[in-house]
Amino acid sequence: MNWIPYYSKYLSWLGLVILFLWVLFYWLDIPNYKEIDKPMAIIGIICNLFGNFMEQMNKK
C-alpha cells in the first residue's frame, strides 16, 4: 500500500485549495455563487478529512 500516502497527501491539499477558493469566491461576491456554495464547502471538507485520515492510518 505505498500509493496511499502519496495520494492522501494530495487529496488533503486539494481539500484545502477547494476551501480557499470557497472563501475567495465568497469574498468576491460572485453572481450565482449560492448554487455552488454548500457543495463546494462540503467537498473541500470531505477531501481534507479523508486525506488526513488516510495519511494517519498509513503512519500506524
PDB file of N, CA and C in Angstrom:
ATOM      1  N   MET A   1       0.826  -1.205   0.000  1.00  0.00           N
ATOM      2  CA  MET A   1       0.000   0.000   0.000  1.00  0.00           C
ATOM      3  C   MET A   1       0.865   1.261   0.000  1.00  0.00           C
ATOM      4  N   ASN A   2       1.843   1.314  -0.836  1.00  0.00           N
ATOM      5  CA  ASN A   2       2.683   2.502  -0.897  1.00  0.00           C
ATOM      6  C   ASN A   2       2.010   3.677  -1.592  1.00  0.00           C
ATOM      7  N   TRP A   3       0.937   3.440  -2.318  1.00  0.00           N
ATOM      8  CA  TRP A   3       0.275   4.522  -3.030  1.00  0.00           C
ATOM      9  C   TRP A   3      -0.603   5.370  -2.116  1.00  0.00           C
ATOM     10  N   ILE A   4      -0.979   4.875  -0.934  1.00  0.00           N
ATOM     11  CA  ILE A   4      -1.892   5.607  -0.049  1.00  0.00           C
ATOM     12  C   ILE A   4      -1.305   6.933   0.441  1.00  0.00           C
ATOM     13  N   PRO A   5      -0.090   7.000   0.967  1.00  0.00           N
ATOM     14  CA  PRO A   5       0.380   8.304   1.456  1.00  0.00           C
ATOM     15  C   PRO A   5       0.578   9.307   0.329  1.00  0.00           C
ATOM     16  N   TYR A   6       0.946   8.809  -0.853  1.00  0.00           N
ATOM     17  CA  TYR A   6       1.158   9.694  -1.983  1.00  0.00           C
ATOM     18  C   TYR A   6      -0.133  10.406  -2.369  1.00  0.00           C
ATOM     19  N   TYR A   7      -1.210   9.646  -2.525  1.00  0.00           N
ATOM     20  CA  TYR A   7      -2.472  10.246  -2.928  1.00  0.00           C
ATOM     21  C   TYR A   7      -3.191  10.938  -1.777  1.00  0.00           C
ATOM     22  N   SER A   8      -3.040  10.450  -0.580  1.00  0.00           N
ATOM     23  CA  SER A   8      -3.748  11.062   0.546  1.00  0.00           C
ATOM     24  C   SER A   8      -3.198  12.456   0.836  1.00  0.00           C
ATOM     25  N   LYS A   9      -1.896  12.643   0.647  1.00  0.00           N
ATOM     26  CA  LYS A   9      -1.324  13.964   0.868  1.00  0.00           C
ATOM     27  C   LYS A   9      -1.903  14.963  -0.138  1.00  0.00           C
ATOM     28  N   TYR A  10      -2.003  14.533  -1.389  1.00  0.00           N
ATOM     29  CA  TYR A  10      -2.543  15.430  -2.410  1.00  0.00           C
ATOM     30  C   TYR A  10      -4.046  15.627  -2.258  1.00  0.00           C
ATOM     31  N   LEU A  11      -4.737  14.633  -1.757  1.00  0.00           N
ATOM     32  CA  LEU A  11      -6.164  14.775  -1.507  1.00  0.00           C
ATOM     33  C   LEU A  11      -6.401  15.790  -0.402  1.00  0.00           C
ATOM     34  N   SER A  12      -5.556  15.778   0.608  1.00  0.00           N
ATOM     35  CA  SER A  12      -5.659  16.746   1.682  1.00  0.00           C
ATOM     36  C   SER A  12      -5.391  18.168   1.171  1.00  0.00           C
ATOM     37  N   TRP A  13      -4.360  18.319   0.348  1.00  0.00           N
ATOM     38  CA  TRP A  13      -4.069  19.640  -0.228  1.00  0.00           C
ATOM     39  C   TRP A  13      -5.172  20.099  -1.173  1.00  0.00           C
ATOM     40  N   LEU A  14      -5.763  19.173  -1.920  1.00  0.00           N
ATOM     41  CA  LEU A  14      -6.875  19.515  -2.807  1.00  0.00           C
ATOM     42  C   LEU A  14      -8.054  20.052  -2.002  1.00  0.00           C
ATOM     43  N   GLY A  15      -8.333  19.434  -0.857  1.00  0.00           N
ATOM     44  CA  GLY A  15      -9.397  19.929   0.014  1.00  0.00           C
ATOM     45  C   GLY A  15      -9.115  21.333   0.516  1.00  0.00           C
ATOM     46  N   LEU A  16      -7.867  21.612   0.860  1.00  0.00           N
ATOM     47  CA  LEU A  16      -7.514  22.953   1.316  1.00  0.00           C
ATOM     48  C   LEU A  16      -7.630  23.983   0.197  1.00  0.00           C
ATOM     49  N   VAL A  17      -7.265  23.600  -1.014  1.00  0.00           N
ATOM     50  CA  VAL A  17      -7.389  24.516  -2.156  1.00  0.00           C
ATOM     51  C   VAL A  17      -8.855  24.802  -2.452  1.00  0.00           C
ATOM     52  N   ILE A  18      -9.695  23.785  -2.386  1.00  0.00           N
ATOM     53  CA  ILE A  18     -11.130  23.991  -2.614  1.00  0.00           C
ATOM     54  C   ILE A  18     -11.711  24.907  -1.546  1.00  0.00           C
ATOM     55  N   LEU A  19     -11.311  24.720  -0.290  1.00  0.00           N
ATOM     56  CA  LEU A  19     -11.807  25.603   0.766  1.00  0.00           C
ATOM     57  C   LEU A  19     -11.299  27.030   0.595  1.00  0.00           C
ATOM     58  N   PHE A  20     -10.052  27.192   0.129  1.00  0.00           N
ATOM     59  CA  PHE A  20      -9.524  28.527  -0.140  1.00  0.00           C
ATOM     60  C   PHE A  20     -10.311  29.202  -1.263  1.00  0.00           C
ATOM     61  N   LEU A  21     -10.612  28.455  -2.332  1.00  0.00           N
ATOM     62  CA  LEU A  21     -11.419  29.023  -3.411  1.00  0.00           C
ATOM     63  C   LEU A  21     -12.824  29.359  -2.941  1.00  0.00           C
ATOM     64  N   TRP A  22     -13.378  28.538  -2.043  1.00  0.00           N
ATOM     65  CA  TRP A  22     -14.700  28.799  -1.495  1.00  0.00           C
ATOM     66  C   TRP A  22     -14.715  30.130  -0.757  1.00  0.00           C
ATOM     67  N   VAL A  23     -13.679  30.381   0.060  1.00  0.00           N
ATOM     68  CA  VAL A  23     -13.575  31.641   0.793  1.00  0.00           C
ATOM     69  C   VAL A  23     -13.358  32.802  -0.165  1.00  0.00           C
ATOM     70  N   LEU A  24     -12.518  32.603  -1.174  1.00  0.00           N
ATOM     71  CA  LEU A  24     -12.237  33.657  -2.146  1.00  0.00           C
ATOM     72  C   LEU A  24     -13.486  34.032  -2.938  1.00  0.00           C
ATOM     73  N   PHE A  25     -14.237  33.039  -3.404  1.00  0.00           N
ATOM     74  CA  PHE A  25     -15.470  33.326  -4.142  1.00  0.00           C
ATOM     75  C   PHE A  25     -16.503  34.007  -3.254  1.00  0.00           C
ATOM     76  N   TYR A  26     -16.561  33.622  -1.994  1.00  0.00           N
ATOM     77  CA  TYR A  26     -17.492  34.261  -1.063  1.00  0.00           C
ATOM     78  C   TYR A  26     -17.112  35.718  -0.849  1.00  0.00           C
ATOM     79  N   TRP A  27     -15.811  35.976  -0.751  1.00  0.00           N
ATOM     80  CA  TRP A  27     -15.330  37.336  -0.507  1.00  0.00           C
ATOM     81  C   TRP A  27     -15.546  38.224  -1.728  1.00  0.00           C
ATOM     82  N   LEU A  28     -15.382  37.667  -2.934  1.00  0.00           N
ATOM     83  CA  LEU A  28     -15.545  38.455  -4.161  1.00  0.00           C
ATOM     84  C   LEU A  28     -17.009  38.658  -4.537  1.00  0.00           C
ATOM     85  N   ASP A  29     -17.918  37.952  -3.902  1.00  0.00           N
ATOM     86  CA  ASP A  29     -19.356  38.057  -4.142  1.00  0.00           C
ATOM     87  C   ASP A  29     -19.687  37.813  -5.611  1.00  0.00           C
ATOM     88  N   ILE A  30     -19.336  36.637  -6.086  1.00  0.00           N
ATOM     89  CA  ILE A  30     -19.580  36.243  -7.471  1.00  0.00           C
ATOM     90  C   ILE A  30     -21.060  35.950  -7.665  1.00  0.00           C
ATOM     91  N   PRO A  31     -21.644  36.392  -8.795  1.00  0.00           N
ATOM     92  CA  PRO A  31     -23.056  36.088  -9.054  1.00  0.00           C
ATOM     93  C   PRO A  31     -23.288  34.579  -9.186  1.00  0.00           C
ATOM     94  N   ASN A  32     -24.446  34.135  -8.812  1.00  0.00           N
ATOM     95  CA  ASN A  32     -24.848  32.717  -8.832  1.00  0.00           C
ATOM     96  C   ASN A  32     -23.952  31.841  -7.965  1.00  0.00           C
ATOM     97  N   TYR A  33     -23.332  32.414  -6.969  1.00  0.00           N
ATOM     98  CA  TYR A  33     -22.454  31.652  -6.086  1.00  0.00           C
ATOM     99  C   TYR A  33     -23.251  30.769  -5.132  1.00  0.00           C
ATOM    100  N   LYS A  34     -24.476  31.153  -4.856  1.00  0.00           N
ATOM    101  CA  LYS A  34     -25.288  30.398  -3.893  1.00  0.00           C
ATOM    102  C   LYS A  34     -25.577  28.977  -4.369  1.00  0.00           C
ATOM    103  N   GLU A  35     -25.491  28.744  -5.698  1.00  0.00           N
ATOM    104  CA  GLU A  35     -25.746  27.406  -6.228  1.00  0.00           C
ATOM    105  C   GLU A  35     -24.605  26.439  -5.907  1.00  0.00           C
ATOM    106  N   ILE A  36     -23.372  26.937  -5.829  1.00  0.00           N
ATOM    107  CA  ILE A  36     -22.236  26.048  -5.568  1.00  0.00           C
ATOM    108  C   ILE A  36     -21.655  26.245  -4.173  1.00  0.00           C
ATOM    109  N   ASP A  37     -22.272  27.078  -3.373  1.00  0.00           N
ATOM    110  CA  ASP A  37     -21.726  27.419  -2.053  1.00  0.00           C
ATOM    111  C   ASP A  37     -21.591  26.197  -1.154  1.00  0.00           C
ATOM    112  N   LYS A  38     -22.697  25.547  -0.855  1.00  0.00           N
ATOM    113  CA  LYS A  38     -22.658  24.413   0.082  1.00  0.00           C
ATOM    114  C   LYS A  38     -21.953  23.185  -0.498  1.00  0.00           C
ATOM    115  N   PRO A  39     -22.214  22.792  -1.751  1.00  0.00           N
ATOM    116  CA  PRO A  39     -21.479  21.618  -2.259  1.00  0.00           C
ATOM    117  C   PRO A  39     -19.967  21.822  -2.299  1.00  0.00           C
ATOM    118  N   MET A  40     -19.524  23.031  -2.601  1.00  0.00           N
ATOM    119  CA  MET A  40     -18.088  23.300  -2.660  1.00  0.00           C
ATOM    120  C   MET A  40     -17.463  23.176  -1.280  1.00  0.00           C
ATOM    121  N   ALA A  41     -18.131  23.699  -0.271  1.00  0.00           N
ATOM    122  CA  ALA A  41     -17.615  23.597   1.096  1.00  0.00           C
ATOM    123  C   ALA A  41     -17.613  22.150   1.567  1.00  0.00           C
ATOM    124  N   ILE A  42     -18.664  21.413   1.262  1.00  0.00           N
ATOM    125  CA  ILE A  42     -18.752  20.016   1.696  1.00  0.00           C
ATOM    126  C   ILE A  42     -17.674  19.174   1.023  1.00  0.00           C
ATOM    127  N   ILE A  43     -17.468  19.366  -0.277  1.00  0.00           N
ATOM    128  CA  ILE A  43     -16.446  18.605  -0.997  1.00  0.00           C
ATOM    129  C   ILE A  43     -15.056  18.930  -0.449  1.00  0.00           C
ATOM    130  N   GLY A  44     -14.791  20.205  -0.173  1.00  0.00           N
ATOM    131  CA  GLY A  44     -13.493  20.589   0.372  1.00  0.00           C
ATOM    132  C   GLY A  44     -13.226  19.983   1.733  1.00  0.00           C
ATOM    133  N   ILE A  45     -14.212  19.995   2.597  1.00  0.00           N
ATOM    134  CA  ILE A  45     -14.045  19.430   3.938  1.00  0.00           C
ATOM    135  C   ILE A  45     -13.873  17.918   3.875  1.00  0.00           C
ATOM    136  N   ILE A  46     -14.662  17.247   3.027  1.00  0.00           N
ATOM    137  CA  ILE A  46     -14.551  15.796   2.919  1.00  0.00           C
ATOM    138  C   ILE A  46     -13.194  15.388   2.352  1.00  0.00           C
ATOM    139  N   CYS A  47     -12.724  16.083   1.323  1.00  0.00           N
ATOM    140  CA  CYS A  47     -11.401  15.762   0.764  1.00  0.00           C
ATOM    141  C   CYS A  47     -10.309  15.950   1.804  1.00  0.00           C
ATOM    142  N   ASN A  48     -10.398  17.041   2.556  1.00  0.00           N
ATOM    143  CA  ASN A  48      -9.386  17.307   3.568  1.00  0.00           C
ATOM    144  C   ASN A  48      -9.421  16.250   4.674  1.00  0.00           C
ATOM    145  N   LEU A  49     -10.586  15.947   5.181  1.00  0.00           N
ATOM    146  CA  LEU A  49     -10.700  14.967   6.258  1.00  0.00           C
ATOM    147  C   LEU A  49     -10.293  13.571   5.801  1.00  0.00           C
ATOM    148  N   PHE A  50     -10.729  13.173   4.613  1.00  0.00           N
ATOM    149  CA  PHE A  50     -10.393  11.837   4.121  1.00  0.00           C
ATOM    150  C   PHE A  50      -8.894  11.716   3.852  1.00  0.00           C
ATOM    151  N   GLY A  51      -8.293  12.754   3.294  1.00  0.00           N
ATOM    152  CA  GLY A  51      -6.848  12.737   3.062  1.00  0.00           C
ATOM    153  C   GLY A  51      -6.066  12.656   4.357  1.00  0.00           C
ATOM    154  N   ASN A  52      -6.462  13.442   5.359  1.00  0.00           N
ATOM    155  CA  ASN A  52      -5.782  13.380   6.656  1.00  0.00           C
ATOM    156  C   ASN A  52      -5.984  12.030   7.335  1.00  0.00           C
ATOM    157  N   PHE A  53      -7.191  11.486   7.233  1.00  0.00           N
ATOM    158  CA  PHE A  53      -7.474  10.190   7.847  1.00  0.00           C
ATOM    159  C   PHE A  53      -6.630   9.083   7.214  1.00  0.00           C
ATOM    160  N   MET A  54      -6.553   9.055   5.886  1.00  0.00           N
ATOM    161  CA  MET A  54      -5.756   8.026   5.214  1.00  0.00           C
ATOM    162  C   MET A  54      -4.272   8.178   5.516  1.00  0.00           C
ATOM    163  N   GLU A  55      -3.813   9.409   5.628  1.00  0.00           N
ATOM    164  CA  GLU A  55      -2.410   9.639   5.953  1.00  0.00           C
ATOM    165  C   GLU A  55      -2.091   9.144   7.368  1.00  0.00           C
ATOM    166  N   GLN A  56      -2.993   9.390   8.297  1.00  0.00           N
ATOM    167  CA  GLN A  56      -2.786   8.938   9.676  1.00  0.00           C
ATOM    168  C   GLN A  56      -2.885   7.410   9.780  1.00  0.00           C
ATOM    169  N   MET A  57      -3.763   6.806   9.015  1.00  0.00           N
ATOM    170  CA  MET A  57      -3.910   5.350   9.048  1.00  0.00           C
ATOM    171  C   MET A  57      -2.662   4.660   8.512  1.00  0.00           C
ATOM    172  N   ASN A  58      -2.008   5.284   7.550  1.00  0.00           N
ATOM    173  CA  ASN A  58      -0.824   4.672   6.975  1.00  0.00           C
ATOM    174  C   ASN A  58       0.396   4.825   7.889  1.00  0.00           C
ATOM    175  N   LYS A  59       0.398   5.822   8.768  1.00  0.00           N
ATOM    176  CA  LYS A  59       1.527   6.017   9.669  1.00  0.00           C
ATOM    177  C   LYS A  59       1.584   4.959  10.765  1.00  0.00           C
ATOM    178  N   LYS A  60       0.453   4.326  11.066  1.00  0.00           N
ATOM    179  CA  LYS A  60       0.422   3.335  12.130  1.00  0.00           C
ATOM    180  C   LYS A  60       1.087   2.044  11.731  1.00  0.00           C
TER     181      LYS A  60
END
